[in-house]
Amino acid sequence: MKSTTRTARTPAPAATPSFAQIISLGIEMAEERMERLISISIDDDEWDYSGDNVVCSIRLALDGLRRLRDMSFADYIEFVCRWSGITGVIELCCLTFKHPETRFGRLLTDLHHLLDQTSSMVEHLDEANRAQAK
């Protein structure tokens, strides 16, 4: 009887996304979540109007986010400075929204995590690029 030995194939390393790809994906996902949050506040018959300041802040953050889409960034620092402003607005929204247990509250928290993760991914890519350049 023949002995069959399977050899595990090592998968090829995944291509690293570009700086522009990470930014584009982060903007697209954040924009979708912000639009959904605004929609929830409009469509929910039981919306507590005490959250209107939060919704206005999300609209301002969304405007800033949309402006980022058309910008090109020379480096990580330039992007993070602008991205941090949007993240800060959403973080304040999370802290001031009175009903974090609601669907709106959970999506708002999810948005904040997404913004943080996007920033972390861009930072990681920047560090990897610097290490390769050495």
Protein backbone atom coordinates (compact mmCIF):
# COMPACT_ATOMS: atom_id res chain seq x y z
CA MET A 1 0.00 0.00 0.00
CA LYS A 2 1.33 3.39 -0.92
CA SER A 3 1.88 5.91 1.76
CA THR A 4 0.34 9.22 0.89
CA THR A 5 1.73 12.19 2.61
CA ARG A 6 0.10 15.52 2.23
CA THR A 7 2.23 18.54 2.46
CA ALA A 8 0.68 21.70 3.71
CA ARG A 9 0.98 24.55 1.34
CA THR A 10 1.97 27.80 2.83
CA PRO A 11 -0.42 30.42 1.57
CA ALA A 12 1.09 33.33 -0.24
CA PRO A 13 1.33 36.40 1.93
CA ALA A 14 -1.60 38.73 1.50
CA ALA A 15 -0.96 41.97 -0.27
CA THR A 16 -0.83 44.90 2.10
CA PRO A 17 -3.55 47.44 1.40
CA SER A 18 -2.42 50.89 0.44
CA PHE A 19 -2.79 53.98 2.59
CA ALA A 20 -5.49 55.25 0.19
CA GLN A 21 -7.39 51.93 0.31
CA ILE A 22 -7.57 51.89 4.10
CA ILE A 23 -8.68 55.51 4.21
CA SER A 24 -11.29 54.95 1.49
CA LEU A 25 -12.73 51.90 3.23
CA GLY A 26 -12.81 53.65 6.61
CA ILE A 27 -14.58 56.67 5.13
CA GLU A 28 -17.09 54.50 3.28
CA MET A 29 -17.95 52.42 6.35
CA ALA A 30 -18.14 55.42 8.69
CA GLU A 31 -20.31 57.34 6.25
CA GLU A 32 -22.75 54.43 6.00
CA ARG A 33 -23.01 54.16 9.79
CA MET A 34 -23.49 57.91 10.24
CA GLU A 35 -26.25 57.94 7.63
CA ARG A 36 -27.92 55.02 9.38
CA LEU A 37 -27.76 56.82 12.73
CA ILE A 38 -29.38 59.90 11.23
CA SER A 39 -32.03 57.74 9.60
CA ILE A 40 -32.83 56.01 12.89
CA SER A 41 -33.40 59.37 14.57
CA ILE A 42 -35.80 60.40 11.78
CA ASP A 43 -37.70 57.12 11.40
CA ASP A 44 -38.07 56.15 15.08
CA ASP A 45 -41.53 57.13 16.34
CA GLU A 46 -40.30 56.86 19.91
CA TRP A 47 -37.20 59.02 19.37
CA ASP A 48 -36.24 60.92 22.50
CA TYR A 49 -35.59 64.46 21.32
CA SER A 50 -32.97 64.91 24.02
CA GLY A 51 -30.68 63.14 21.54
CA ASP A 52 -31.08 65.82 18.87
CA ASN A 53 -27.80 67.52 19.81
CA VAL A 54 -26.07 64.19 19.26
CA VAL A 55 -27.69 63.86 15.83
CA CYS A 56 -26.65 67.42 14.89
CA SER A 57 -23.09 66.57 15.93
CA ILE A 58 -23.18 63.41 13.80
CA ARG A 59 -24.33 65.50 10.82
CA LEU A 60 -21.35 67.84 11.32
CA ALA A 61 -18.99 64.87 11.59
CA LEU A 62 -20.52 63.43 8.40
CA ASP A 63 -19.89 66.69 6.55
CA GLY A 64 -16.26 66.60 7.69
CA LEU A 65 -15.96 62.97 6.67
CA ARG A 66 -17.28 63.69 3.19
CA ARG A 67 -14.72 66.46 2.76
CA LEU A 68 -11.97 63.96 3.61
CA ARG A 69 -13.01 61.76 0.69
CA ASP A 70 -11.85 64.36 -1.83
CA MET A 71 -8.55 65.10 -0.11
CA SER A 72 -5.21 63.48 -0.69
CA PHE A 73 -2.89 63.09 2.26
CA ALA A 74 0.86 63.42 2.12
CA ASP A 75 1.38 61.26 5.18
CA TYR A 76 -0.09 59.55 8.18
CA ILE A 77 0.11 62.62 10.44
CA GLU A 78 -1.95 64.82 8.12
CA PHE A 79 -4.71 62.20 7.89
CA VAL A 80 -4.78 61.43 11.60
CA CYS A 81 -5.09 65.11 12.55
CA ARG A 82 -8.27 65.44 10.50
CA TRP A 83 -9.59 61.98 11.37
CA SER A 84 -9.07 62.63 15.09
CA GLY A 85 -11.39 65.63 14.94
CA ILE A 86 -14.20 63.45 13.59
CA THR A 87 -13.42 60.71 16.10
CA GLY A 88 -13.50 63.25 18.93
CA VAL A 89 -16.96 64.48 17.92
CA ILE A 90 -18.29 60.91 17.86
CA GLU A 91 -16.63 60.11 21.19
CA LEU A 92 -18.40 63.10 22.75
CA CYS A 93 -21.66 61.88 21.23
CA CYS A 94 -21.12 58.49 22.89
CA LEU A 95 -20.46 60.15 26.24
CA THR A 96 -23.51 62.41 26.10
CA PHE A 97 -26.12 60.13 24.54
CA LYS A 98 -28.49 59.13 27.33
CA HIS A 99 -29.64 55.75 26.00
CA PRO A 100 -26.57 53.63 25.12
CA GLU A 101 -28.61 50.42 25.39
CA THR A 102 -30.76 51.32 22.37
CA ARG A 103 -30.07 50.36 18.77
CA PHE A 104 -28.95 53.96 18.15
CA GLY A 105 -26.61 53.83 21.16
CA ARG A 106 -25.06 50.54 20.12
CA LEU A 107 -24.53 51.73 16.53
CA LEU A 108 -23.00 54.95 17.83
CA THR A 109 -20.53 52.94 19.93
CA ASP A 110 -19.81 50.73 16.91
CA LEU A 111 -19.07 53.84 14.85
CA HIS A 112 -16.63 55.09 17.49
CA HIS A 113 -14.81 51.73 17.45
CA LEU A 114 -14.66 51.81 13.64
CA LEU A 115 -13.09 55.26 13.66
CA ASP A 116 -10.51 54.15 16.24
CA GLN A 117 -9.72 50.97 14.29
CA THR A 118 -9.26 52.86 11.02
CA SER A 119 -6.81 55.19 12.70
CA SER A 120 -4.95 52.21 14.16
CA MET A 121 -4.75 50.49 10.77
CA VAL A 122 -3.35 53.62 9.12
CA GLU A 123 -0.82 53.96 11.93
CA HIS A 124 0.18 50.31 11.58
CA LEU A 125 0.66 50.70 7.83
CA ASP A 126 2.75 53.83 8.37
CA GLU A 127 5.00 51.97 10.84
CA ALA A 128 5.33 49.01 8.46
CA ASN A 129 6.26 51.31 5.59
CA ARG A 130 8.89 53.06 7.71
CA ALA A 131 10.38 49.73 8.78
CA GLN A 132 10.61 48.61 5.14
CA ALA A 133 12.28 51.85 4.16
CA LYS A 134 15.14 51.26 6.61
